[in-house]
């Protein structure tokens, strides 16, 4: 079922690009395939970044809520949910795009494994309608015409650590890790005087209670280094075709994020500064709203005294 619904459509999109591409270079087809996938994910990426911007704008209010709740977890959770609902924010909005990217990755990996183990799968695993394309007909008669390289330089069937270090593939693997680092760094909010996770844990060991928001921020900063290392370890022993997909996806994602963060700044600020609709439902807001009433009542009393 996974093969029919996920693997085959993803693989056949790649095969279609490869068959129609002048020169029929598999590496170039994989790059174009990755760019198309990232463009299709554009609406989700844009929404994800808008939500992330809005969440960063809420940090002062979240801190006030934590102070108002006075370590009452139930009250704090209720106040936070009301705040998110009021501003139209879904804290779990980043998960759909992550799940979709993982599904595409696993689907592509399954398809590439078939081609690596048996190059004839480029024809036999394709849909019948694609098998009638002229280039696939040529491959069905002579599979040696299949070019599974990147411009004749990188053998995409080999891993970076196959029979020693295969340097062309190693450069792609290292590039994918670097691209992931800058992609993650781009989304991390720059907070002054932010303590590292090591410092927080050291002070917690001395009995000082750590603020959960500060812990989450420190963990988020640590993932800048954790994810690239994990990607490097994951891709260094597999065919460089998947590393090429990850490298291209990381570069395109960085460009997309940079464009959205720079060009859509006004729209994101408008969403982040969205006026409150149900502010009365938030206990924090009731306290804030009560202050102007006091000042206005005092001013009325002062005016009465002047008249007298």
Protein backbone atom coordinates (compact mmCIF):
# COMPACT_ATOMS: atom_id res chain seq x y z
CA UNK A 1 0.00 0.00 0.00
CA UNK A 2 2.88 2.38 0.85
CA UNK A 3 4.54 1.46 -2.44
CA UNK A 4 1.38 2.06 -4.49
CA UNK A 5 0.34 5.32 -2.81
CA UNK A 6 3.71 6.91 -1.97
CA UNK A 7 6.72 5.26 -3.60
CA UNK A 8 5.41 4.80 -7.15
CA UNK A 9 4.03 8.33 -7.69
CA UNK A 10 7.22 9.93 -6.32
CA UNK A 11 9.48 7.64 -8.32
CA UNK A 12 7.49 8.06 -11.53
CA UNK A 13 7.65 11.85 -11.28
CA UNK A 14 11.43 11.50 -11.17
CA UNK A 15 11.38 9.05 -14.11
CA UNK A 16 9.18 11.42 -16.15
CA UNK A 17 11.63 14.30 -15.60
CA UNK A 18 14.56 12.02 -16.46
CA UNK A 19 12.93 10.70 -19.63
CA UNK A 20 11.98 14.15 -20.96
CA UNK A 21 15.19 15.92 -19.94
CA UNK A 22 17.59 16.65 -22.83
CA UNK A 23 20.74 14.60 -22.27
CA UNK A 24 18.92 12.28 -19.83
CA UNK A 25 21.30 12.87 -16.93
CA UNK A 26 19.90 11.23 -13.79
CA UNK A 27 21.67 13.61 -11.39
CA UNK A 28 20.27 16.69 -13.10
CA UNK A 29 16.81 15.06 -13.16
CA UNK A 30 17.08 14.51 -9.39
CA UNK A 31 17.97 18.18 -8.84
CA UNK A 32 14.99 19.36 -10.93
CA UNK A 33 12.73 16.86 -9.11
CA UNK A 34 13.83 18.28 -5.73
CA UNK A 35 13.21 21.87 -6.82
CA UNK A 36 9.70 20.94 -8.04
CA UNK A 37 8.90 19.23 -4.71
CA UNK A 38 10.09 22.27 -2.74
CA UNK A 39 7.99 24.60 -4.92
CA UNK A 40 4.93 22.40 -4.36
CA UNK A 41 5.56 22.70 -0.60
CA UNK A 42 5.76 26.51 -0.85
CA UNK A 43 2.31 27.26 0.67
CA UNK A 44 3.04 25.05 3.68
CA UNK A 45 6.54 26.50 4.13
CA UNK A 46 5.15 30.03 3.96
CA UNK A 47 2.46 29.28 6.53
CA UNK A 48 4.99 27.57 8.79
CA UNK A 49 7.28 30.62 8.78
CA UNK A 50 4.38 32.99 9.43
CA UNK A 51 3.39 30.91 12.44
CA UNK A 52 6.99 30.85 13.67
CA UNK A 53 7.18 34.65 13.38
CA UNK A 54 3.92 35.06 15.28
CA UNK A 55 5.16 32.70 18.01
CA UNK A 56 8.35 34.72 18.46
CA UNK A 57 6.29 37.91 18.84
CA UNK A 58 4.28 36.27 21.63
CA UNK A 59 7.27 35.51 23.86
CA UNK A 60 6.80 38.58 26.14
CA UNK A 61 3.11 37.69 26.64
CA UNK A 62 3.99 34.05 27.30
CA UNK A 63 6.44 35.16 30.00
CA UNK A 64 3.76 37.33 31.62
CA UNK A 65 1.33 34.41 31.58
CA UNK A 66 3.89 32.17 33.28
CA UNK A 67 4.38 34.81 35.96
CA UNK A 68 0.63 35.27 36.39
CA UNK A 69 0.00 31.49 36.64
CA UNK A 70 2.49 31.21 39.55
CA UNK A 71 3.62 27.66 38.61
CA UNK A 72 0.04 26.43 38.29
CA UNK A 73 0.47 24.17 35.22
CA UNK A 74 -3.25 23.74 34.52
CA UNK A 75 -3.91 27.48 34.70
CA UNK A 76 -0.85 28.24 32.61
CA UNK A 77 -1.86 25.76 29.89
CA UNK A 78 -5.40 27.16 29.78
CA UNK A 79 -4.13 30.73 29.47
CA UNK A 80 -1.67 29.77 26.74
CA UNK A 81 -4.33 27.93 24.74
CA UNK A 82 -6.60 30.97 24.97
CA UNK A 83 -3.75 33.19 23.80
CA UNK A 84 -2.98 30.92 20.82
CA UNK A 85 -6.66 30.74 19.91
CA UNK A 86 -6.99 34.51 20.15
CA UNK A 87 -4.03 35.12 17.85
CA UNK A 88 -4.93 32.27 15.46
CA UNK A 89 -1.73 30.33 16.17
CA UNK A 90 -1.35 26.56 16.07
CA UNK A 91 1.82 25.46 17.94
CA UNK A 92 1.74 22.13 16.06
CA UNK A 93 1.62 23.74 12.61
CA UNK A 94 5.22 22.76 11.83
CA UNK A 95 4.48 19.02 11.99
CA UNK A 96 2.52 18.64 8.70
CA UNK A 97 5.40 19.86 6.55
CA UNK A 98 7.88 17.71 8.47
CA UNK A 99 5.71 14.63 8.00
CA UNK A 100 5.26 15.35 4.27
CA UNK A 101 9.02 15.79 3.81
CA UNK A 102 9.73 12.52 5.62
CA UNK A 103 7.15 10.68 3.49
CA UNK A 104 8.76 12.03 0.31
CA UNK A 105 12.21 11.12 1.60
CA UNK A 106 11.26 7.53 2.43
CA UNK A 107 9.38 7.17 -0.85
CA UNK A 108 12.33 8.45 -2.87
CA UNK A 109 14.75 6.28 -0.89
CA UNK A 110 12.69 3.17 -1.61
CA UNK A 111 12.55 4.00 -5.32
CA UNK A 112 16.28 4.76 -5.56
CA UNK A 113 17.14 1.49 -3.82
CA UNK A 114 15.29 -0.40 -6.53
CA UNK A 115 17.30 1.36 -9.26
CA UNK A 116 20.60 0.88 -7.40
CA UNK A 117 20.03 -2.86 -6.95
CA UNK A 118 18.61 -3.28 -10.47
CA UNK A 119 18.97 -0.48 -13.07
CA UNK A 120 16.19 -2.09 -15.14
CA UNK A 121 13.76 -0.86 -12.47
CA UNK A 122 13.94 2.58 -14.09
CA UNK A 123 11.76 0.97 -16.79
CA UNK A 124 9.95 -1.88 -15.06
CA UNK A 125 8.87 0.17 -12.02
CA UNK A 126 7.58 3.00 -14.20
CA UNK A 127 3.90 3.36 -15.02
CA UNK A 128 2.88 1.74 -18.35
CA UNK A 129 2.13 5.15 -19.87
CA UNK A 130 5.72 6.24 -19.16
CA UNK A 131 7.18 3.03 -20.55
CA UNK A 132 5.97 4.17 -23.99
CA UNK A 133 8.23 7.24 -23.89
CA UNK A 134 10.99 6.98 -26.49
CA UNK A 135 13.89 7.15 -24.04
CA UNK A 136 12.47 4.45 -21.77
CA UNK A 137 11.95 2.26 -24.83
CA UNK A 138 15.63 2.74 -25.65
CA UNK A 139 16.59 1.78 -22.08
CA UNK A 140 14.42 -1.33 -22.21
CA UNK A 141 16.52 -2.52 -25.17
CA UNK A 142 19.88 -1.36 -23.79
CA UNK A 143 20.02 -0.54 -20.06
CA UNK A 144 23.69 0.47 -20.41
CA UNK A 145 22.45 3.77 -21.83
CA UNK A 146 21.24 4.68 -18.32
CA UNK A 147 23.42 7.52 -16.96
CA UNK A 148 23.26 7.31 -13.18
CA UNK A 149 25.83 10.05 -12.59
CA UNK A 150 25.81 13.77 -11.89
CA UNK A 151 27.22 15.27 -15.10
CA UNK A 152 29.53 12.26 -15.43
CA UNK A 153 31.46 13.37 -12.31
CA UNK A 154 29.69 11.71 -9.35
CA UNK A 155 28.52 8.11 -9.42
CA UNK A 156 25.18 8.43 -7.61
CA UNK A 157 25.11 4.69 -6.87
CA UNK A 158 28.17 4.93 -4.61
CA UNK A 159 28.22 6.10 -1.02
CA UNK A 160 30.83 8.42 0.47
CA UNK A 161 32.44 5.52 2.35
CA UNK A 162 32.32 2.80 -0.29
CA UNK A 163 35.75 1.11 -0.65
CA UNK A 164 37.45 3.91 1.23
CA UNK A 165 36.45 7.57 0.91
CA UNK A 166 34.72 8.45 -2.33
CA UNK A 167 35.45 12.17 -2.29
CA UNK A 168 32.88 13.41 -4.84
CA UNK A 169 30.10 11.82 -2.76
CA UNK A 170 31.73 13.00 0.49
CA UNK A 171 31.57 16.61 -0.73
CA UNK A 172 27.83 16.23 -1.40
CA UNK A 173 27.28 14.70 2.06
CA UNK A 174 29.24 17.50 3.75
CA UNK A 175 27.35 20.07 1.68
CA UNK A 176 23.99 18.65 2.76
CA UNK A 177 25.03 18.91 6.44
CA UNK A 178 26.21 22.51 5.99
CA UNK A 179 22.99 23.44 4.17
CA UNK A 180 20.95 21.99 7.04
CA UNK A 181 22.99 24.00 9.56
CA UNK A 182 22.33 27.34 7.84
CA UNK A 183 18.70 26.42 7.22
CA UNK A 184 18.19 25.76 10.95
CA UNK A 185 20.20 28.81 12.01
CA UNK A 186 18.07 31.02 9.77
CA UNK A 187 14.92 30.10 11.73
CA UNK A 188 16.45 30.43 15.21
CA UNK A 189 15.48 33.67 17.00
CA UNK A 190 18.47 35.73 18.10
CA UNK A 191 18.06 36.28 21.84
CA UNK A 192 20.53 38.40 23.79
CA UNK A 193 22.06 36.97 26.96
CA UNK A 194 20.59 33.55 26.24
CA UNK A 195 22.17 30.83 28.34
CA UNK A 196 23.29 27.54 26.84
CA UNK A 197 21.65 24.24 27.76
CA UNK A 198 24.84 23.24 29.57
CA UNK A 199 24.68 26.34 31.79
CA UNK A 200 20.99 25.79 32.56
CA UNK A 201 21.59 22.17 33.54
CA UNK A 202 24.59 23.11 35.67
CA UNK A 203 22.54 25.67 37.63
CA UNK A 204 19.63 23.23 37.89
CA UNK A 205 22.04 20.77 39.52
CA UNK A 206 22.75 23.41 42.17
CA UNK A 207 19.05 23.63 43.01
CA UNK A 208 18.07 26.63 40.88
CA UNK A 209 14.78 26.06 39.07
CA UNK A 210 15.03 26.50 35.30
CA UNK A 211 12.44 28.38 33.26
CA UNK A 212 10.83 25.97 30.78
CA UNK A 213 10.73 28.57 28.01
CA UNK A 214 14.46 29.17 28.43
CA UNK A 215 15.11 25.42 28.36
CA UNK A 216 13.09 25.04 25.14
CA UNK A 217 15.01 27.91 23.52
CA UNK A 218 18.34 26.37 24.54
CA UNK A 219 17.30 22.97 23.16
CA UNK A 220 16.24 24.65 19.92
CA UNK A 221 19.65 26.31 19.63
CA UNK A 222 21.35 22.94 20.20
CA UNK A 223 19.47 21.37 17.27
CA UNK A 224 21.42 23.67 14.93
CA UNK A 225 24.37 21.33 15.46
CA UNK A 226 22.51 18.10 16.19
CA UNK A 227 20.54 17.89 12.92
CA UNK A 228 23.53 18.45 10.57
CA UNK A 229 25.54 15.80 12.42
CA UNK A 230 22.64 13.34 12.20
CA UNK A 231 22.21 14.03 8.47
CA UNK A 232 25.93 13.51 7.89
CA UNK A 233 25.94 10.17 9.75
CA UNK A 234 22.75 9.05 7.99
CA UNK A 235 23.84 9.88 4.42
CA UNK A 236 27.55 9.03 4.57
CA UNK A 237 26.86 5.29 4.15
CA UNK A 238 24.07 5.38 1.57
CA UNK A 239 24.02 6.08 -2.17
CA UNK A 240 24.98 9.68 -2.91
CA UNK A 241 21.74 10.13 -4.91
CA UNK A 242 19.87 10.66 -1.63
CA UNK A 243 22.59 13.02 -0.38
CA UNK A 244 22.16 15.03 -3.59
CA UNK A 245 18.42 15.24 -2.92
CA UNK A 246 19.09 16.44 0.64
CA UNK A 247 21.70 18.98 -0.48
CA UNK A 248 19.46 20.43 -3.19
CA UNK A 249 16.45 20.48 -0.84
CA UNK A 250 18.47 22.25 1.85
CA UNK A 251 19.74 24.94 -0.53
CA UNK A 252 16.27 25.55 -2.02
CA UNK A 253 14.70 25.63 1.47
CA UNK A 254 17.28 28.21 2.59
CA UNK A 255 16.47 30.41 -0.43
CA UNK A 256 12.71 30.02 0.19
CA UNK A 257 13.06 30.93 3.86
CA UNK A 258 15.27 33.91 3.07
CA UNK A 259 12.78 35.19 0.49
CA UNK A 260 9.78 34.76 2.81
CA UNK A 261 11.52 36.26 5.83
CA UNK A 262 12.72 39.30 3.83
CA UNK A 263 9.93 39.95 1.31
CA UNK A 264 6.91 38.90 3.37
CA UNK A 265 8.01 40.78 6.50
CA UNK A 266 5.05 43.18 6.41
CA UNK A 267 2.51 40.37 6.13
CA UNK A 268 4.16 38.34 8.89
CA UNK A 269 4.26 41.37 11.16
CA UNK A 270 0.55 41.95 10.51
CA UNK A 271 -0.24 38.34 11.45
CA UNK A 272 2.01 38.48 14.50
CA UNK A 273 0.46 41.77 15.65
CA UNK A 274 -3.09 40.59 14.98
CA UNK A 275 -5.42 42.44 17.38
CA UNK A 276 -7.08 40.50 20.13
CA UNK A 277 -10.65 39.34 19.57
CA UNK A 278 -11.44 37.54 22.80
CA UNK A 279 -8.96 39.24 25.07
CA UNK A 280 -11.40 39.15 28.00
CA UNK A 281 -11.05 35.37 28.16
CA UNK A 282 -7.40 35.66 29.17
CA UNK A 283 -6.91 36.32 32.90
CA UNK A 284 -3.71 38.20 32.08
CA UNK A 285 -5.68 40.58 29.89
CA UNK A 286 -8.24 41.24 32.62
CA UNK A 287 -5.49 42.50 34.88
CA UNK A 288 -4.10 44.75 32.16
CA UNK A 289 -7.54 46.09 31.22
CA UNK A 290 -8.40 46.90 34.81
CA UNK A 291 -5.59 49.48 35.05
CA UNK A 292 -6.96 52.00 32.53
CA UNK A 293 -10.34 51.91 34.24
CA UNK A 294 -8.72 52.92 37.53
CA UNK A 295 -6.84 55.77 35.94
CA UNK A 296 -9.95 57.03 34.13
CA UNK A 297 -12.04 56.92 37.33
CA UNK A 298 -9.34 58.88 39.16
CA UNK A 299 -9.30 61.53 36.42
CA UNK A 300 -13.10 61.90 36.69
CA UNK A 301 -12.84 62.45 40.44
CA UNK A 302 -10.13 65.07 39.86
CA UNK A 303 -12.35 66.94 37.37
CA UNK A 304 -15.24 66.99 39.91
CA UNK A 305 -12.95 68.47 42.54
CA UNK A 306 -11.87 71.25 40.14
CA UNK A 307 -15.51 72.11 39.41
CA UNK A 308 -16.26 72.34 43.11
